[in-house]
Every structure is written in structure tokens, then in C-alpha cells.
Amino acid sequence: MDYIWTLVSKKLANEASENELIELNNLLTQHPDIRKAVNLFFEWWNLSNREVDLNESRNAFSKIKKKLK
């Protein structure tokens, strides 16, 4: 699972190779529970990269934490 998060961080930093992106997609297909968490994280990441209200960002992150429990 740590390797998946390593690939996720590389993807977010735009440092993942094409092969790593394919591998990440394959791993997430094999692990749908982790895929949900990663997708929620991507949603939060994309939200935090926009200019949004701080409360909106906090609320989104709280929802993600609840779904991961």
C-alpha cells in the first residue's frame, strides 16, 4: 500500500512516468478499497489547488476523513 501512495505522490507532483501511471491504475483496479481513498484524496487535492473558501476546503477534508474510517 505504501508503494501506491508513493505513485500517487509522484502523480500529484507531475513526476510519474507513463509506466508508473499505468502501474498505479492497475494497482487501483486490483484494490478498489484503496482506489476509493485515492479518488477522495484527488478530489481534495484538486479542491485545495483552486481558490476556494477555507471553510469549503475544511469541510471537504472532513468528509474525506469520515469516508476513510
C-alpha atoms as a PDB file:
ATOM      1  CA  MET A   1       0.000   0.000   0.000  1.00  0.00           C
ATOM      2  CA  ASP A   2       2.884   2.401   0.688  1.00  0.00           C
ATOM      3  CA  TYR A   3       4.002   1.952  -2.902  1.00  0.00           C
ATOM      4  CA  ILE A   4       0.577   3.041  -4.143  1.00  0.00           C
ATOM      5  CA  TRP A   5       0.842   6.256  -2.127  1.00  0.00           C
ATOM      6  CA  THR A   6       4.352   6.797  -3.490  1.00  0.00           C
ATOM      7  CA  LEU A   7       2.931   6.580  -7.006  1.00  0.00           C
ATOM      8  CA  VAL A   8       0.064   8.884  -6.028  1.00  0.00           C
ATOM      9  CA  SER A   9       2.502  11.492  -4.721  1.00  0.00           C
ATOM     10  CA  LYS A  10       4.561  11.250  -7.908  1.00  0.00           C
ATOM     11  CA  LYS A  11       1.407  11.748  -9.958  1.00  0.00           C
ATOM     12  CA  LEU A  12       0.402  14.818  -7.954  1.00  0.00           C
ATOM     13  CA  ALA A  13       3.900  16.277  -8.345  1.00  0.00           C
ATOM     14  CA  ASN A  14       3.819  15.554 -12.094  1.00  0.00           C
ATOM     15  CA  GLU A  15       6.883  13.334 -11.639  1.00  0.00           C
ATOM     16  CA  ALA A  16       5.317   9.964 -12.503  1.00  0.00           C
ATOM     17  CA  SER A  17       6.423   8.283 -15.689  1.00  0.00           C
ATOM     18  CA  GLU A  18       3.893   6.869 -18.124  1.00  0.00           C
ATOM     19  CA  ASN A  19       4.722   3.360 -16.868  1.00  0.00           C
ATOM     20  CA  GLU A  20       4.204   4.438 -13.253  1.00  0.00           C
ATOM     21  CA  LEU A  21       0.812   5.925 -14.112  1.00  0.00           C
ATOM     22  CA  ILE A  22      -0.194   2.679 -15.813  1.00  0.00           C
ATOM     23  CA  GLU A  23       1.042   0.705 -12.808  1.00  0.00           C
ATOM     24  CA  LEU A  24      -0.884   2.969 -10.432  1.00  0.00           C
ATOM     25  CA  ASN A  25      -4.060   2.481 -12.434  1.00  0.00           C
ATOM     26  CA  ASN A  26      -3.555  -1.300 -12.451  1.00  0.00           C
ATOM     27  CA  LEU A  27      -2.933  -1.404  -8.699  1.00  0.00           C
ATOM     28  CA  LEU A  28      -6.009   0.704  -8.006  1.00  0.00           C
ATOM     29  CA  THR A  29      -8.081  -1.591 -10.211  1.00  0.00           C
ATOM     30  CA  GLN A  30      -6.879  -4.543  -8.123  1.00  0.00           C
ATOM     31  CA  HIS A  31      -7.613  -2.736  -4.833  1.00  0.00           C
ATOM     32  CA  PRO A  32     -10.997  -0.966  -5.100  1.00  0.00           C
ATOM     33  CA  ASP A  33     -10.990  -0.029  -1.399  1.00  0.00           C
ATOM     34  CA  ILE A  34      -7.730   1.863  -1.809  1.00  0.00           C
ATOM     35  CA  ARG A  35      -8.976   3.315  -5.102  1.00  0.00           C
ATOM     36  CA  LYS A  36     -11.862   4.971  -3.219  1.00  0.00           C
ATOM     37  CA  ALA A  37      -9.456   6.573  -0.759  1.00  0.00           C
ATOM     38  CA  VAL A  38      -7.134   7.730  -3.537  1.00  0.00           C
ATOM     39  CA  ASN A  39     -10.019   9.200  -5.538  1.00  0.00           C
ATOM     40  CA  LEU A  40     -11.237  11.080  -2.469  1.00  0.00           C
ATOM     41  CA  PHE A  41      -7.718  12.361  -1.917  1.00  0.00           C
ATOM     42  CA  PHE A  42      -7.507  13.534  -5.539  1.00  0.00           C
ATOM     43  CA  GLU A  43     -10.816  15.357  -5.087  1.00  0.00           C
ATOM     44  CA  TRP A  44      -9.486  17.115  -2.003  1.00  0.00           C
ATOM     45  CA  TRP A  45      -6.176  17.891  -3.725  1.00  0.00           C
ATOM     46  CA  ASN A  46      -7.928  19.430  -6.721  1.00  0.00           C
ATOM     47  CA  LEU A  47     -10.206  21.414  -4.431  1.00  0.00           C
ATOM     48  CA  SER A  48      -7.258  22.740  -2.423  1.00  0.00           C
ATOM     49  CA  ASN A  49      -5.490  23.851  -5.603  1.00  0.00           C
ATOM     50  CA  ARG A  50      -8.389  26.117  -6.543  1.00  0.00           C
ATOM     51  CA  GLU A  51      -9.012  29.429  -4.905  1.00  0.00           C
ATOM     52  CA  VAL A  52     -11.789  28.423  -2.546  1.00  0.00           C
ATOM     53  CA  ASP A  53     -13.138  29.447   0.762  1.00  0.00           C
ATOM     54  CA  LEU A  54     -11.107  27.949   3.627  1.00  0.00           C
ATOM     55  CA  ASN A  55     -14.254  26.545   5.220  1.00  0.00           C
ATOM     56  CA  GLU A  56     -15.169  24.753   1.990  1.00  0.00           C
ATOM     57  CA  SER A  57     -11.743  23.112   1.949  1.00  0.00           C
ATOM     58  CA  ARG A  58     -12.003  22.094   5.606  1.00  0.00           C
ATOM     59  CA  ASN A  59     -15.482  20.650   5.063  1.00  0.00           C
ATOM     60  CA  ALA A  60     -14.291  18.649   2.066  1.00  0.00           C
ATOM     61  CA  PHE A  61     -11.346  17.267   4.026  1.00  0.00           C
ATOM     62  CA  SER A  62     -13.622  16.325   6.946  1.00  0.00           C
ATOM     63  CA  LYS A  63     -15.892  14.404   4.562  1.00  0.00           C
ATOM     64  CA  ILE A  64     -12.900  12.535   3.191  1.00  0.00           C
ATOM     65  CA  LYS A  65     -11.672  11.600   6.671  1.00  0.00           C
ATOM     66  CA  LYS A  66     -15.124  10.277   7.595  1.00  0.00           C
ATOM     67  CA  LYS A  67     -15.292   8.147   4.445  1.00  0.00           C
ATOM     68  CA  LEU A  68     -11.857   6.669   5.156  1.00  0.00           C
ATOM     69  CA  LYS A  69     -12.876   5.452   8.626  1.00  0.00           C
END
